[in-house]
């Protein structure tokens, strides 16, 4: 195992009455990269790429509210929408003094990250998208029932949603229906840890509230595409092709609005970093250096 210069540090900062846990490494004088995780994970998903990336950047990976080691305020005390979670991350960035940064998004971190990007485009040095959706092409037939629920959150439409907040589906987030040769590469630690956090008292209801707001992210797709067209952020797309949630057609949709986009597809699933963290860390590090030196 390589011995990296910068070791990961684990800290908590108080932000607007919430404790936000984060992992960070590297020189704060270097360009920063903000890593935003998705459901049902936490900053733990980035554990294997933080130190490699810290060779070229200052790396910051927070746990979003209700995930990981961050605070889990009740739904009465906190507005669990992607917009409000982005507000919390804005306050977190201000507390750390981070103004400009590369943005790495995955799954639910994608709507949070795009709120940050569209609010102040000038601070985004570049985008890294890993199995996160911002185009209709990524929403395959499995999204028909959720989209019907987002349009009309009735009890009848909720009853048509699959039962996905359980241990088996948490495991499915990792291995999906991948061939055994790939599925056996995933350590079980991830889904066991995720399930421990997800099954905390009251947290399933909170997670459903967050999921219910995904319709607002879909409604923002035109605004996200306008951001792409106008600001042309440097963009690197990393994709596990066996993702059971976001269709692989998603990645080609970026070509419609971005003049230049780099894409890499791996024989992996939704949780790509569990199987290909070394390859992804190398690609992201080179991407950061290329943007910084004007080679991108």
Protein backbone atom coordinates (compact mmCIF):
# COMPACT_ATOMS: atom_id res chain seq x y z
CA UNK A 1 0.00 0.00 0.00
CA UNK A 2 1.34 3.40 -0.97
CA UNK A 3 2.30 5.73 1.85
CA UNK A 4 0.78 9.12 0.97
CA UNK A 5 2.17 12.40 2.26
CA UNK A 6 -1.15 13.65 3.61
CA UNK A 7 -3.18 11.58 6.08
CA UNK A 8 -6.94 11.83 6.40
CA UNK A 9 -8.15 13.89 9.34
CA UNK A 10 -11.60 13.38 10.89
CA UNK A 11 -13.31 16.38 12.47
CA UNK A 12 -16.69 17.89 13.28
CA UNK A 13 -17.72 21.53 12.87
CA UNK A 14 -20.85 23.18 14.28
CA UNK A 15 -22.93 24.74 11.49
CA UNK A 16 -26.19 26.53 12.28
CA UNK A 17 -26.82 24.29 15.28
CA UNK A 18 -25.85 21.08 13.48
CA UNK A 19 -22.70 19.01 13.90
CA UNK A 20 -21.27 18.30 10.45
CA UNK A 21 -18.68 15.54 10.42
CA UNK A 22 -16.09 15.63 7.66
CA UNK A 23 -12.95 13.91 6.44
CA UNK A 24 -10.21 16.07 4.95
CA UNK A 25 -6.62 15.84 3.82
CA UNK A 26 -4.04 17.88 1.98
CA UNK A 27 -2.71 21.41 1.90
CA UNK A 28 -5.48 24.05 2.29
CA UNK A 29 -3.41 26.31 0.03
CA UNK A 30 -3.95 23.91 -2.87
CA UNK A 31 -7.14 23.93 -5.02
CA UNK A 32 -9.94 22.30 -3.04
CA UNK A 33 -12.24 19.46 -4.07
CA UNK A 34 -15.56 18.95 -2.30
CA UNK A 35 -16.82 15.35 -2.28
CA UNK A 36 -20.59 15.00 -1.83
CA UNK A 37 -21.89 11.49 -1.19
CA UNK A 38 -25.29 10.01 -2.01
CA UNK A 39 -27.87 7.67 -0.48
CA UNK A 40 -27.46 5.56 1.65
CA UNK A 41 -23.77 6.25 2.09
CA UNK A 42 -21.63 8.91 3.77
CA UNK A 43 -18.16 10.36 3.40
CA UNK A 44 -17.02 6.78 4.12
CA UNK A 45 -17.58 6.03 0.42
CA UNK A 46 -14.62 8.32 -0.39
CA UNK A 47 -12.22 6.83 2.15
CA UNK A 48 -9.98 5.22 -0.50
CA UNK A 49 -9.53 8.28 -2.70
CA UNK A 50 -9.07 11.07 -0.14
CA UNK A 51 -5.36 10.56 0.45
CA UNK A 52 -4.47 9.95 -3.23
CA UNK A 53 -6.35 13.13 -4.21
CA UNK A 54 -4.61 15.05 -1.41
CA UNK A 55 -1.38 14.76 -3.40
CA UNK A 56 -2.79 17.38 -5.79
CA UNK A 57 -5.70 19.06 -3.92
CA UNK A 58 -7.14 19.94 -0.56
CA UNK A 59 -9.84 17.29 -0.15
CA UNK A 60 -13.01 17.83 1.91
CA UNK A 61 -15.73 15.18 2.30
CA UNK A 62 -18.62 16.01 4.68
CA UNK A 63 -21.43 13.77 5.87
CA UNK A 64 -24.70 15.41 4.82
CA UNK A 65 -27.29 16.02 7.57
CA UNK A 66 -28.90 12.71 8.69
CA UNK A 67 -26.07 10.68 7.11
CA UNK A 68 -23.00 9.16 8.69
CA UNK A 69 -21.71 10.93 11.79
CA UNK A 70 -23.44 14.26 11.16
CA UNK A 71 -26.45 15.42 13.16
CA UNK A 72 -29.85 13.85 12.51
CA UNK A 73 -32.31 16.62 13.40
CA UNK A 74 -35.99 15.71 13.38
CA UNK A 75 -38.09 16.57 10.34
CA UNK A 76 -39.87 19.13 12.52
CA UNK A 77 -36.57 20.88 13.25
CA UNK A 78 -34.98 20.68 9.80
CA UNK A 79 -36.27 21.09 6.26
CA UNK A 80 -35.11 17.94 4.45
CA UNK A 81 -34.99 19.27 0.91
CA UNK A 82 -31.98 19.28 -1.39
CA UNK A 83 -32.10 23.07 -1.48
CA UNK A 84 -31.94 23.33 2.30
CA UNK A 85 -29.24 20.69 2.57
CA UNK A 86 -27.28 22.81 0.09
CA UNK A 87 -27.83 25.78 2.42
CA UNK A 88 -26.24 23.75 5.22
CA UNK A 89 -23.28 22.83 3.01
CA UNK A 90 -22.94 26.52 2.05
CA UNK A 91 -22.61 27.33 5.77
CA UNK A 92 -20.17 24.43 6.17
CA UNK A 93 -17.99 25.80 3.35
CA UNK A 94 -18.08 29.26 4.90
CA UNK A 95 -16.99 27.82 8.26
CA UNK A 96 -14.01 26.18 6.55
CA UNK A 97 -13.25 29.25 4.45
CA UNK A 98 -13.65 27.39 1.15
CA UNK A 99 -14.66 29.72 -1.67
CA UNK A 100 -13.62 28.02 -4.93
CA UNK A 101 -13.41 24.28 -5.44
CA UNK A 102 -13.79 21.30 -7.72
CA UNK A 103 -17.09 19.53 -7.11
CA UNK A 104 -17.40 15.73 -7.01
CA UNK A 105 -21.00 14.49 -6.82
CA UNK A 106 -22.68 11.10 -6.53
CA UNK A 107 -26.34 10.05 -6.30
CA UNK A 108 -28.19 12.38 -3.84
CA UNK A 109 -25.07 14.53 -3.65
CA UNK A 110 -25.79 15.53 -7.25
CA UNK A 111 -28.86 17.72 -6.57
CA UNK A 112 -27.08 19.25 -3.57
CA UNK A 113 -23.99 19.96 -5.64
CA UNK A 114 -25.91 21.47 -8.54
CA UNK A 115 -27.64 23.88 -6.16
CA UNK A 116 -24.17 25.07 -5.14
CA UNK A 117 -23.00 25.28 -8.75
CA UNK A 118 -25.98 27.18 -10.15
CA UNK A 119 -26.02 29.66 -7.28
CA UNK A 120 -22.44 30.78 -7.78
CA UNK A 121 -21.01 29.30 -10.97
CA UNK A 122 -17.77 31.27 -10.69
CA UNK A 123 -16.60 29.27 -7.69
CA UNK A 124 -16.77 25.87 -9.41
CA UNK A 125 -13.36 24.97 -10.82
CA UNK A 126 -14.62 21.76 -12.40
CA UNK A 127 -17.23 18.99 -12.08
CA UNK A 128 -16.70 15.30 -11.42
CA UNK A 129 -19.92 13.29 -11.78
CA UNK A 130 -19.95 9.69 -10.59
CA UNK A 131 -23.24 7.84 -11.11
CA UNK A 132 -25.32 10.92 -10.45
CA UNK A 133 -28.25 11.97 -12.61
CA UNK A 134 -29.17 15.32 -14.19
CA UNK A 135 -30.88 14.28 -17.46
CA UNK A 136 -34.10 12.48 -18.34
CA UNK A 137 -32.01 9.90 -20.21
CA UNK A 138 -30.75 8.60 -16.87
CA UNK A 139 -34.24 7.86 -15.55
CA UNK A 140 -35.18 4.48 -16.98
CA UNK A 141 -38.44 2.53 -16.56
CA UNK A 142 -37.68 1.85 -12.88
CA UNK A 143 -38.35 5.55 -12.28
CA UNK A 144 -41.92 5.48 -13.61
CA UNK A 145 -43.47 4.83 -10.19
CA UNK A 146 -41.26 7.39 -8.37
CA UNK A 147 -42.03 10.04 -11.02
CA UNK A 148 -45.74 9.38 -10.64
CA UNK A 149 -45.34 9.80 -6.88
CA UNK A 150 -43.36 13.03 -7.26
CA UNK A 151 -46.12 14.43 -9.47
CA UNK A 152 -48.88 13.28 -7.10
CA UNK A 153 -47.63 12.18 -3.64
CA UNK A 154 -50.88 10.39 -2.80
CA UNK A 155 -51.09 7.30 -0.63
CA UNK A 156 -52.09 5.31 -3.71
CA UNK A 157 -48.95 6.35 -5.59
CA UNK A 158 -46.79 5.82 -2.53
CA UNK A 159 -48.12 2.26 -2.27
CA UNK A 160 -46.81 1.61 -5.81
CA UNK A 161 -43.24 2.45 -4.83
CA UNK A 162 -40.91 -0.52 -4.34
CA UNK A 163 -39.90 -1.40 -0.80
CA UNK A 164 -36.36 -0.09 -0.97
CA UNK A 165 -35.50 1.03 2.57
CA UNK A 166 -34.41 -2.32 3.93
CA UNK A 167 -31.19 -4.27 4.39
CA UNK A 168 -31.44 -6.22 1.13
CA UNK A 169 -31.93 -3.12 -1.01
CA UNK A 170 -29.11 -1.38 0.84
CA UNK A 171 -26.89 -4.28 -0.23
CA UNK A 172 -28.38 -4.01 -3.73
CA UNK A 173 -27.07 -0.42 -3.85
CA UNK A 174 -23.64 -2.01 -4.05
CA UNK A 175 -23.86 -5.32 -5.88
CA UNK A 176 -27.08 -4.82 -7.86
CA UNK A 177 -27.49 -7.63 -10.37
CA UNK A 178 -23.86 -7.67 -11.36
CA UNK A 179 -22.06 -10.84 -12.44
CA UNK A 180 -20.60 -12.81 -9.56
CA UNK A 181 -17.06 -12.04 -10.75
CA UNK A 182 -17.76 -8.35 -9.99
CA UNK A 183 -20.13 -8.71 -7.02
CA UNK A 184 -17.49 -10.61 -5.04
CA UNK A 185 -15.18 -7.59 -5.24
CA UNK A 186 -17.43 -5.54 -2.94
CA UNK A 187 -16.56 -5.70 0.77
CA UNK A 188 -19.75 -6.05 2.85
CA UNK A 189 -18.62 -3.37 5.31
CA UNK A 190 -20.23 -0.62 3.25
CA UNK A 191 -23.81 -1.84 3.20
CA UNK A 192 -23.67 -3.06 6.82
CA UNK A 193 -22.45 0.35 7.96
CA UNK A 194 -25.03 2.14 5.80
CA UNK A 195 -27.82 -0.01 7.22
CA UNK A 196 -26.72 0.66 10.80
CA UNK A 197 -27.05 4.40 10.13
CA UNK A 198 -30.20 4.15 8.04
CA UNK A 199 -32.04 2.08 10.64
CA UNK A 200 -31.51 4.55 13.48
CA UNK A 201 -34.84 5.55 15.09
CA UNK A 202 -36.69 8.03 12.87
CA UNK A 203 -34.08 8.05 10.12
CA UNK A 204 -36.08 6.05 7.59
CA UNK A 205 -38.84 8.65 7.67
CA UNK A 206 -36.23 11.36 7.18
CA UNK A 207 -34.67 9.52 4.24
CA UNK A 208 -38.08 9.16 2.63
CA UNK A 209 -38.60 12.91 2.94
CA UNK A 210 -35.32 13.50 1.15
CA UNK A 211 -36.25 10.99 -1.55
CA UNK A 212 -39.63 12.68 -1.94
CA UNK A 213 -37.84 15.90 -2.88
CA UNK A 214 -36.06 14.24 -5.82
CA UNK A 215 -38.90 15.44 -8.02
CA UNK A 216 -37.68 19.00 -7.40
CA UNK A 217 -34.28 17.96 -8.73
CA UNK A 218 -35.85 16.54 -11.88
CA UNK A 219 -37.76 19.81 -12.31
CA UNK A 220 -34.42 21.65 -12.19
CA UNK A 221 -32.89 19.70 -15.09
CA UNK A 222 -33.46 22.63 -17.54
CA UNK A 223 -31.73 25.04 -15.13
CA UNK A 224 -28.80 22.61 -14.78
CA UNK A 225 -28.51 22.29 -18.56
CA UNK A 226 -28.57 26.09 -18.89
CA UNK A 227 -25.73 26.24 -16.34
CA UNK A 228 -23.75 23.77 -18.46
CA UNK A 229 -24.34 25.70 -21.68
CA UNK A 230 -23.54 29.12 -20.30
CA UNK A 231 -20.60 28.37 -18.03
CA UNK A 232 -19.05 25.26 -19.67
CA UNK A 233 -17.48 23.87 -16.49
CA UNK A 234 -14.68 21.37 -17.10
CA UNK A 235 -16.37 18.00 -16.57
CA UNK A 236 -15.19 14.47 -15.86
CA UNK A 237 -17.80 11.69 -15.80
CA UNK A 238 -16.99 8.39 -14.05
CA UNK A 239 -19.57 5.63 -14.42
CA UNK A 240 -20.19 2.09 -13.24
CA UNK A 241 -22.04 0.56 -16.17
CA UNK A 242 -24.05 -1.91 -14.06
CA UNK A 243 -25.83 0.88 -12.15
CA UNK A 244 -29.40 -0.38 -11.49
CA UNK A 245 -30.71 3.12 -10.74
CA UNK A 246 -29.31 5.51 -13.36
CA UNK A 247 -29.28 4.39 -16.99
CA UNK A 248 -25.97 4.51 -18.84
CA UNK A 249 -27.63 6.74 -21.47
CA UNK A 250 -27.22 9.49 -18.87
CA UNK A 251 -23.55 9.94 -19.65
CA UNK A 252 -24.00 10.74 -23.34
CA UNK A 253 -26.56 13.44 -22.51
CA UNK A 254 -23.73 15.63 -21.20
CA UNK A 255 -22.55 16.10 -24.78
CA UNK A 256 -25.68 18.10 -25.60
CA UNK A 257 -24.71 20.99 -23.37
CA UNK A 258 -20.97 20.73 -22.75
CA UNK A 259 -18.50 21.44 -25.53
CA UNK A 260 -15.89 19.23 -23.87
CA UNK A 261 -16.53 16.39 -21.44
CA UNK A 262 -14.33 13.43 -20.54
CA UNK A 263 -16.02 10.11 -19.77
CA UNK A 264 -14.83 6.79 -18.37
CA UNK A 265 -17.06 3.72 -18.00
CA UNK A 266 -16.07 0.85 -15.71
CA UNK A 267 -17.20 -2.72 -15.24
CA UNK A 268 -18.75 -1.88 -11.89
CA UNK A 269 -21.97 -0.62 -10.34
CA UNK A 270 -23.54 2.33 -8.54
CA UNK A 271 -20.84 2.31 -5.84
CA UNK A 272 -17.97 2.49 -8.31
CA UNK A 273 -15.33 3.50 -5.77
CA UNK A 274 -15.66 0.19 -3.95
CA UNK A 275 -14.10 -1.60 -6.93
CA UNK A 276 -12.18 1.03 -8.94
CA UNK A 277 -10.97 3.63 -6.46
CA UNK A 278 -7.37 3.54 -7.68
CA UNK A 279 -8.33 4.17 -11.30
CA UNK A 280 -10.80 6.91 -10.35
CA UNK A 281 -8.36 8.66 -8.02
CA UNK A 282 -5.75 8.75 -10.79
CA UNK A 283 -8.25 10.17 -13.30
CA UNK A 284 -9.53 12.84 -10.90
CA UNK A 285 -5.98 13.86 -9.91
CA UNK A 286 -4.98 14.26 -13.55
CA UNK A 287 -8.21 16.16 -14.27
CA UNK A 288 -7.46 18.62 -11.45
CA UNK A 289 -3.90 19.16 -12.69
CA UNK A 290 -5.03 19.58 -16.30
CA UNK A 291 -7.61 22.22 -15.34
CA UNK A 292 -5.14 23.98 -13.07
CA UNK A 293 -2.44 24.14 -15.75
CA UNK A 294 -4.84 25.03 -18.57
CA UNK A 295 -4.32 21.69 -20.34
CA UNK A 296 -8.01 20.71 -20.16
